[in-house]
């Protein structure tokens, strides 16, 4: 998700995100991982629409993400 066939980044749509999330248990919590060199864990905040896009707000830093997160996201 988020990459074009040739490796160029592309925009992720709501449909793309829904399709990705369907693979997981709907009871699982969701976190955002940011900063590839030292992955940090952030909660998901409010979600809204503005300026022709859907915005997912950051709900507060929770600490550092486990090493496995960076590995599975392809950051290591």
PDB file of N, CA and C in Angstrom:
ATOM      1  N   UNK A   1       0.846  -1.173   0.000  1.00  0.00           N
ATOM      2  CA  UNK A   1       0.000   0.000   0.000  1.00  0.00           C
ATOM      3  C   UNK A   1       0.890   1.234   0.000  1.00  0.00           C
ATOM      4  N   UNK A   2       0.538   2.220  -0.795  1.00  0.00           N
ATOM      5  CA  UNK A   2       1.299   3.455  -0.817  1.00  0.00           C
ATOM      6  C   UNK A   2       2.463   3.456  -1.794  1.00  0.00           C
ATOM      7  N   UNK A   3       2.657   2.377  -2.535  1.00  0.00           N
ATOM      8  CA  UNK A   3       3.740   2.325  -3.515  1.00  0.00           C
ATOM      9  C   UNK A   3       3.186   1.921  -4.874  1.00  0.00           C
ATOM     10  N   UNK A   4       3.695   2.551  -5.897  1.00  0.00           N
ATOM     11  CA  UNK A   4       3.339   2.218  -7.268  1.00  0.00           C
ATOM     12  C   UNK A   4       4.207   1.052  -7.715  1.00  0.00           C
ATOM     13  N   UNK A   5       3.842   0.411  -8.812  1.00  0.00           N
ATOM     14  CA  UNK A   5       4.596  -0.752  -9.307  1.00  0.00           C
ATOM     15  C   UNK A   5       6.086  -0.502  -9.425  1.00  0.00           C
ATOM     16  N   UNK A   6       6.489   0.654  -9.838  1.00  0.00           N
ATOM     17  CA  UNK A   6       7.911   0.923 -10.041  1.00  0.00           C
ATOM     18  C   UNK A   6       8.583   1.476  -8.792  1.00  0.00           C
ATOM     19  N   UNK A   7       7.914   1.442  -7.670  1.00  0.00           N
ATOM     20  CA  UNK A   7       8.518   1.908  -6.424  1.00  0.00           C
ATOM     21  C   UNK A   7       8.227   3.359  -6.098  1.00  0.00           C
ATOM     22  N   UNK A   8       7.602   4.095  -7.013  1.00  0.00           N
ATOM     23  CA  UNK A   8       7.255   5.486  -6.733  1.00  0.00           C
ATOM     24  C   UNK A   8       6.093   5.527  -5.750  1.00  0.00           C
ATOM     25  N   UNK A   9       6.140   6.452  -4.821  1.00  0.00           N
ATOM     26  CA  UNK A   9       5.047   6.543  -3.863  1.00  0.00           C
ATOM     27  C   UNK A   9       3.794   7.044  -4.558  1.00  0.00           C
ATOM     28  N   UNK A  10       2.652   6.648  -4.025  1.00  0.00           N
ATOM     29  CA  UNK A  10       1.373   7.124  -4.538  1.00  0.00           C
ATOM     30  C   UNK A  10       0.485   7.406  -3.338  1.00  0.00           C
ATOM     31  N   UNK A  11      -0.570   8.118  -3.579  1.00  0.00           N
ATOM     32  CA  UNK A  11      -1.499   8.425  -2.508  1.00  0.00           C
ATOM     33  C   UNK A  11      -2.306   7.193  -2.134  1.00  0.00           C
ATOM     34  N   UNK A  12      -2.577   7.015  -0.873  1.00  0.00           N
ATOM     35  CA  UNK A  12      -3.403   5.919  -0.377  1.00  0.00           C
ATOM     36  C   UNK A  12      -4.838   6.431  -0.280  1.00  0.00           C
ATOM     37  N   UNK A  13      -5.778   5.673  -0.814  1.00  0.00           N
ATOM     38  CA  UNK A  13      -7.179   6.065  -0.751  1.00  0.00           C
ATOM     39  C   UNK A  13      -7.854   5.418   0.459  1.00  0.00           C
ATOM     40  N   UNK A  14      -9.043   5.883   0.776  1.00  0.00           N
ATOM     41  CA  UNK A  14      -9.840   5.280   1.851  1.00  0.00           C
ATOM     42  C   UNK A  14     -10.065   3.800   1.540  1.00  0.00           C
ATOM     43  N   UNK A  15     -10.374   3.471   0.288  1.00  0.00           N
ATOM     44  CA  UNK A  15     -10.595   2.067  -0.099  1.00  0.00           C
ATOM     45  C   UNK A  15      -9.343   1.230   0.135  1.00  0.00           C
ATOM     46  N   UNK A  16      -8.150   1.780  -0.199  1.00  0.00           N
ATOM     47  CA  UNK A  16      -6.895   1.061   0.041  1.00  0.00           C
ATOM     48  C   UNK A  16      -6.725   0.750   1.532  1.00  0.00           C
ATOM     49  N   UNK A  17      -6.968   1.742   2.362  1.00  0.00           N
ATOM     50  CA  UNK A  17      -6.797   1.577   3.805  1.00  0.00           C
ATOM     51  C   UNK A  17      -7.789   0.554   4.365  1.00  0.00           C
ATOM     52  N   UNK A  18      -9.032   0.634   3.927  1.00  0.00           N
ATOM     53  CA  UNK A  18     -10.045  -0.338   4.376  1.00  0.00           C
ATOM     54  C   UNK A  18      -9.632  -1.753   3.962  1.00  0.00           C
ATOM     55  N   UNK A  19      -9.183  -1.914   2.729  1.00  0.00           N
ATOM     56  CA  UNK A  19      -8.761  -3.239   2.258  1.00  0.00           C
ATOM     57  C   UNK A  19      -7.611  -3.788   3.100  1.00  0.00           C
ATOM     58  N   UNK A  20      -6.644  -2.959   3.416  1.00  0.00           N
ATOM     59  CA  UNK A  20      -5.516  -3.400   4.244  1.00  0.00           C
ATOM     60  C   UNK A  20      -5.987  -3.799   5.640  1.00  0.00           C
ATOM     61  N   UNK A  21      -6.844  -2.996   6.239  1.00  0.00           N
ATOM     62  CA  UNK A  21      -7.280  -3.253   7.615  1.00  0.00           C
ATOM     63  C   UNK A  21      -8.165  -4.489   7.734  1.00  0.00           C
ATOM     64  N   UNK A  22      -8.819  -4.895   6.668  1.00  0.00           N
ATOM     65  CA  UNK A  22      -9.682  -6.086   6.706  1.00  0.00           C
ATOM     66  C   UNK A  22      -8.906  -7.362   7.008  1.00  0.00           C
ATOM     67  N   UNK A  23      -7.586  -7.347   6.823  1.00  0.00           N
ATOM     68  CA  UNK A  23      -6.760  -8.535   7.070  1.00  0.00           C
ATOM     69  C   UNK A  23      -6.609  -8.835   8.554  1.00  0.00           C
ATOM     70  N   UNK A  24      -6.952  -7.889   9.408  1.00  0.00           N
ATOM     71  CA  UNK A  24      -6.668  -7.999  10.834  1.00  0.00           C
ATOM     72  C   UNK A  24      -7.937  -8.195  11.661  1.00  0.00           C
ATOM     73  N   UNK A  25      -7.750  -8.720  12.844  1.00  0.00           N
ATOM     74  CA  UNK A  25      -8.831  -8.893  13.814  1.00  0.00           C
ATOM     75  C   UNK A  25      -9.411  -7.510  14.137  1.00  0.00           C
ATOM     76  N   UNK A  26     -10.706  -7.292  13.946  1.00  0.00           N
ATOM     77  CA  UNK A  26     -11.288  -5.970  14.180  1.00  0.00           C
ATOM     78  C   UNK A  26     -11.240  -5.518  15.639  1.00  0.00           C
ATOM     79  N   UNK A  27     -10.909  -6.406  16.548  1.00  0.00           N
ATOM     80  CA  UNK A  27     -10.810  -6.024  17.964  1.00  0.00           C
ATOM     81  C   UNK A  27      -9.431  -5.477  18.339  1.00  0.00           C
ATOM     82  N   UNK A  28      -8.457  -5.560  17.431  1.00  0.00           N
ATOM     83  CA  UNK A  28      -7.110  -5.070  17.719  1.00  0.00           C
ATOM     84  C   UNK A  28      -7.079  -3.551  17.796  1.00  0.00           C
ATOM     85  N   UNK A  29      -6.226  -3.009  18.672  1.00  0.00           N
ATOM     86  CA  UNK A  29      -6.017  -1.567  18.724  1.00  0.00           C
ATOM     87  C   UNK A  29      -5.171  -1.144  17.524  1.00  0.00           C
ATOM     88  N   UNK A  30      -5.263   0.120  17.159  1.00  0.00           N
ATOM     89  CA  UNK A  30      -4.511   0.664  16.033  1.00  0.00           C
ATOM     90  C   UNK A  30      -3.533   1.709  16.548  1.00  0.00           C
ATOM     91  N   UNK A  31      -2.313   1.665  16.044  1.00  0.00           N
ATOM     92  CA  UNK A  31      -1.284   2.653  16.364  1.00  0.00           C
ATOM     93  C   UNK A  31      -0.644   3.127  15.070  1.00  0.00           C
ATOM     94  N   UNK A  32      -0.088   4.325  15.095  1.00  0.00           N
ATOM     95  CA  UNK A  32       0.692   4.846  13.980  1.00  0.00           C
ATOM     96  C   UNK A  32       2.163   4.702  14.343  1.00  0.00           C
ATOM     97  N   UNK A  33       2.961   4.198  13.427  1.00  0.00           N
ATOM     98  CA  UNK A  33       4.408   4.133  13.611  1.00  0.00           C
ATOM     99  C   UNK A  33       5.016   5.256  12.782  1.00  0.00           C
ATOM    100  N   UNK A  34       5.847   6.060  13.403  1.00  0.00           N
ATOM    101  CA  UNK A  34       6.507   7.170  12.710  1.00  0.00           C
ATOM    102  C   UNK A  34       7.992   7.132  13.010  1.00  0.00           C
ATOM    103  N   UNK A  35       8.779   7.758  12.151  1.00  0.00           N
ATOM    104  CA  UNK A  35      10.213   7.911  12.333  1.00  0.00           C
ATOM    105  C   UNK A  35      10.960   6.583  12.165  1.00  0.00           C
ATOM    106  N   UNK A  36      11.266   6.192  10.937  1.00  0.00           N
ATOM    107  CA  UNK A  36      11.858   4.885  10.662  1.00  0.00           C
ATOM    108  C   UNK A  36      13.129   4.543  11.438  1.00  0.00           C
ATOM    109  N   UNK A  37      13.983   5.512  11.745  1.00  0.00           N
ATOM    110  CA  UNK A  37      15.240   5.171  12.430  1.00  0.00           C
ATOM    111  C   UNK A  37      15.037   4.768  13.882  1.00  0.00           C
ATOM    112  N   UNK A  38      14.076   5.345  14.533  1.00  0.00           N
ATOM    113  CA  UNK A  38      13.717   4.994  15.911  1.00  0.00           C
ATOM    114  C   UNK A  38      12.208   5.020  15.990  1.00  0.00           C
ATOM    115  N   UNK A  39      11.535   3.954  15.506  1.00  0.00           N
ATOM    116  CA  UNK A  39      10.077   3.977  15.400  1.00  0.00           C
ATOM    117  C   UNK A  39       9.377   4.342  16.716  1.00  0.00           C
ATOM    118  N   UNK A  40       8.546   5.352  16.621  1.00  0.00           N
ATOM    119  CA  UNK A  40       7.742   5.769  17.753  1.00  0.00           C
ATOM    120  C   UNK A  40       6.307   5.325  17.530  1.00  0.00           C
ATOM    121  N   UNK A  41       5.622   5.118  18.628  1.00  0.00           N
ATOM    122  CA  UNK A  41       4.244   4.643  18.601  1.00  0.00           C
ATOM    123  C   UNK A  41       3.323   5.792  18.994  1.00  0.00           C
ATOM    124  N   UNK A  42       2.331   6.072  18.145  1.00  0.00           N
ATOM    125  CA  UNK A  42       1.356   7.115  18.404  1.00  0.00           C
ATOM    126  C   UNK A  42      -0.050   6.530  18.304  1.00  0.00           C
ATOM    127  N   UNK A  43      -0.944   6.990  19.151  1.00  0.00           N
ATOM    128  CA  UNK A  43      -2.343   6.585  19.081  1.00  0.00           C
ATOM    129  C   UNK A  43      -3.020   7.304  17.919  1.00  0.00           C
ATOM    130  N   UNK A  44      -4.078   6.719  17.410  1.00  0.00           N
ATOM    131  CA  UNK A  44      -4.886   7.350  16.373  1.00  0.00           C
ATOM    132  C   UNK A  44      -5.888   8.257  17.072  1.00  0.00           C
ATOM    133  N   UNK A  45      -6.013   9.478  16.579  1.00  0.00           N
ATOM    134  CA  UNK A  45      -6.950  10.434  17.156  1.00  0.00           C
ATOM    135  C   UNK A  45      -8.216  10.531  16.321  1.00  0.00           C
ATOM    136  N   UNK A  46      -8.748  11.716  16.253  1.00  0.00           N
ATOM    137  CA  UNK A  46      -9.975  11.962  15.497  1.00  0.00           C
ATOM    138  C   UNK A  46      -9.743  11.784  13.997  1.00  0.00           C
ATOM    139  N   UNK A  47     -10.801  11.414  13.285  1.00  0.00           N
ATOM    140  CA  UNK A  47     -10.762  11.269  11.830  1.00  0.00           C
ATOM    141  C   UNK A  47     -11.803  12.218  11.257  1.00  0.00           C
ATOM    142  N   UNK A  48     -11.414  12.970  10.218  1.00  0.00           N
ATOM    143  CA  UNK A  48     -12.337  13.944   9.634  1.00  0.00           C
ATOM    144  C   UNK A  48     -12.053  14.115   8.150  1.00  0.00           C
ATOM    145  N   UNK A  49     -12.887  14.862   7.481  1.00  0.00           N
ATOM    146  CA  UNK A  49     -12.702  15.188   6.063  1.00  0.00           C
ATOM    147  C   UNK A  49     -12.572  16.686   5.923  1.00  0.00           C
ATOM    148  N   UNK A  50     -11.584  17.124   5.159  1.00  0.00           N
ATOM    149  CA  UNK A  50     -11.396  18.545   4.875  1.00  0.00           C
ATOM    150  C   UNK A  50     -10.533  18.678   3.630  1.00  0.00           C
ATOM    151  N   UNK A  51     -10.772  19.681   2.851  1.00  0.00           N
ATOM    152  CA  UNK A  51      -9.943  19.981   1.685  1.00  0.00           C
ATOM    153  C   UNK A  51      -9.874  18.814   0.704  1.00  0.00           C
ATOM    154  N   UNK A  52     -10.965  18.051   0.589  1.00  0.00           N
ATOM    155  CA  UNK A  52     -11.028  16.942  -0.349  1.00  0.00           C
ATOM    156  C   UNK A  52     -10.238  15.711   0.053  1.00  0.00           C
ATOM    157  N   UNK A  53      -9.885  15.610   1.342  1.00  0.00           N
ATOM    158  CA  UNK A  53      -9.132  14.460   1.840  1.00  0.00           C
ATOM    159  C   UNK A  53      -9.663  14.026   3.189  1.00  0.00           C
ATOM    160  N   UNK A  54      -9.370  12.788   3.565  1.00  0.00           N
ATOM    161  CA  UNK A  54      -9.671  12.301   4.909  1.00  0.00           C
ATOM    162  C   UNK A  54      -8.407  12.465   5.748  1.00  0.00           C
ATOM    163  N   UNK A  55      -8.556  13.022   6.930  1.00  0.00           N
ATOM    164  CA  UNK A  55      -7.427  13.281   7.828  1.00  0.00           C
ATOM    165  C   UNK A  55      -7.551  12.414   9.068  1.00  0.00           C
ATOM    166  N   UNK A  56      -6.458  11.758   9.428  1.00  0.00           N
ATOM    167  CA  UNK A  56      -6.397  10.957  10.647  1.00  0.00           C
ATOM    168  C   UNK A  56      -5.521  11.723  11.623  1.00  0.00           C
ATOM    169  N   UNK A  57      -6.118  12.147  12.709  1.00  0.00           N
ATOM    170  CA  UNK A  57      -5.380  12.915  13.709  1.00  0.00           C
ATOM    171  C   UNK A  57      -4.515  12.029  14.585  1.00  0.00           C
ATOM    172  N   UNK A  58      -3.442  12.595  15.068  1.00  0.00           N
ATOM    173  CA  UNK A  58      -2.532  11.904  15.969  1.00  0.00           C
ATOM    174  C   UNK A  58      -3.085  12.057  17.380  1.00  0.00           C
ATOM    175  N   UNK A  59      -3.205  10.935  18.100  1.00  0.00           N
ATOM    176  CA  UNK A  59      -3.845  10.945  19.406  1.00  0.00           C
ATOM    177  C   UNK A  59      -2.894  10.888  20.589  1.00  0.00           C
ATOM    178  N   UNK A  60      -1.642  11.214  20.370  1.00  0.00           N
ATOM    179  CA  UNK A  60      -0.686  11.236  21.473  1.00  0.00           C
ATOM    180  C   UNK A  60       0.370  10.148  21.360  1.00  0.00           C
ATOM    181  N   UNK A  61       1.574  10.509  21.725  1.00  0.00           N
ATOM    182  CA  UNK A  61       2.698   9.566  21.678  1.00  0.00           C
ATOM    183  C   UNK A  61       2.570   8.568  22.815  1.00  0.00           C
ATOM    184  N   UNK A  62       2.846   7.312  22.517  1.00  0.00           N
ATOM    185  CA  UNK A  62       2.734   6.249  23.511  1.00  0.00           C
ATOM    186  C   UNK A  62       4.091   5.659  23.887  1.00  0.00           C
ATOM    187  N   UNK A  63       5.130   6.012  23.176  1.00  0.00           N
ATOM    188  CA  UNK A  63       6.459   5.481  23.454  1.00  0.00           C
ATOM    189  C   UNK A  63       7.112   5.009  22.172  1.00  0.00           C
ATOM    190  N   UNK A  64       8.080   4.133  22.306  1.00  0.00           N
ATOM    191  CA  UNK A  64       8.774   3.581  21.144  1.00  0.00           C
ATOM    192  C   UNK A  64       8.135   2.270  20.732  1.00  0.00           C
ATOM    193  N   UNK A  65       8.051   2.063  19.431  1.00  0.00           N
ATOM    194  CA  UNK A  65       7.478   0.829  18.899  1.00  0.00           C
ATOM    195  C   UNK A  65       8.500  -0.307  19.031  1.00  0.00           C
ATOM    196  N   UNK A  66       8.035  -1.544  19.202  1.00  0.00           N
ATOM    197  CA  UNK A  66       8.956  -2.685  19.254  1.00  0.00           C
ATOM    198  C   UNK A  66       9.752  -2.816  17.950  1.00  0.00           C
ATOM    199  N   UNK A  67      10.942  -3.408  18.022  1.00  0.00           N
ATOM    200  CA  UNK A  67      11.782  -3.603  16.836  1.00  0.00           C
ATOM    201  C   UNK A  67      11.041  -4.325  15.719  1.00  0.00           C
ATOM    202  N   UNK A  68      10.169  -5.258  16.071  1.00  0.00           N
ATOM    203  CA  UNK A  68       9.414  -6.022  15.084  1.00  0.00           C
ATOM    204  C   UNK A  68       8.595  -5.109  14.171  1.00  0.00           C
ATOM    205  N   UNK A  69       8.135  -3.974  14.684  1.00  0.00           N
ATOM    206  CA  UNK A  69       7.322  -3.052  13.880  1.00  0.00           C
ATOM    207  C   UNK A  69       8.143  -2.518  12.711  1.00  0.00           C
ATOM    208  N   UNK A  70       9.345  -2.023  12.998  1.00  0.00           N
ATOM    209  CA  UNK A  70      10.208  -1.529  11.932  1.00  0.00           C
ATOM    210  C   UNK A  70      10.537  -2.596  10.911  1.00  0.00           C
ATOM    211  N   UNK A  71      10.779  -3.821  11.388  1.00  0.00           N
ATOM    212  CA  UNK A  71      11.070  -4.935  10.496  1.00  0.00           C
ATOM    213  C   UNK A  71       9.897  -5.205   9.555  1.00  0.00           C
ATOM    214  N   UNK A  72       8.698  -5.303  10.119  1.00  0.00           N
ATOM    215  CA  UNK A  72       7.515  -5.631   9.296  1.00  0.00           C
ATOM    216  C   UNK A  72       7.105  -4.501   8.367  1.00  0.00           C
ATOM    217  N   UNK A  73       7.451  -3.249   8.721  1.00  0.00           N
ATOM    218  CA  UNK A  73       7.159  -2.125   7.842  1.00  0.00           C
ATOM    219  C   UNK A  73       8.241  -1.939   6.777  1.00  0.00           C
ATOM    220  N   UNK A  74       9.307  -2.738   6.850  1.00  0.00           N
ATOM    221  CA  UNK A  74      10.390  -2.634   5.873  1.00  0.00           C
ATOM    222  C   UNK A  74      11.335  -1.481   6.128  1.00  0.00           C
ATOM    223  N   UNK A  75      11.394  -1.005   7.370  1.00  0.00           N
ATOM    224  CA  UNK A  75      12.249   0.130   7.719  1.00  0.00           C
ATOM    225  C   UNK A  75      13.662  -0.277   8.099  1.00  0.00           C
ATOM    226  N   UNK A  76      13.908  -1.563   8.309  1.00  0.00           N
ATOM    227  CA  UNK A  76      15.250  -1.982   8.747  1.00  0.00           C
ATOM    228  C   UNK A  76      15.972  -2.709   7.642  1.00  0.00           C
TER     229      UNK A  76
END
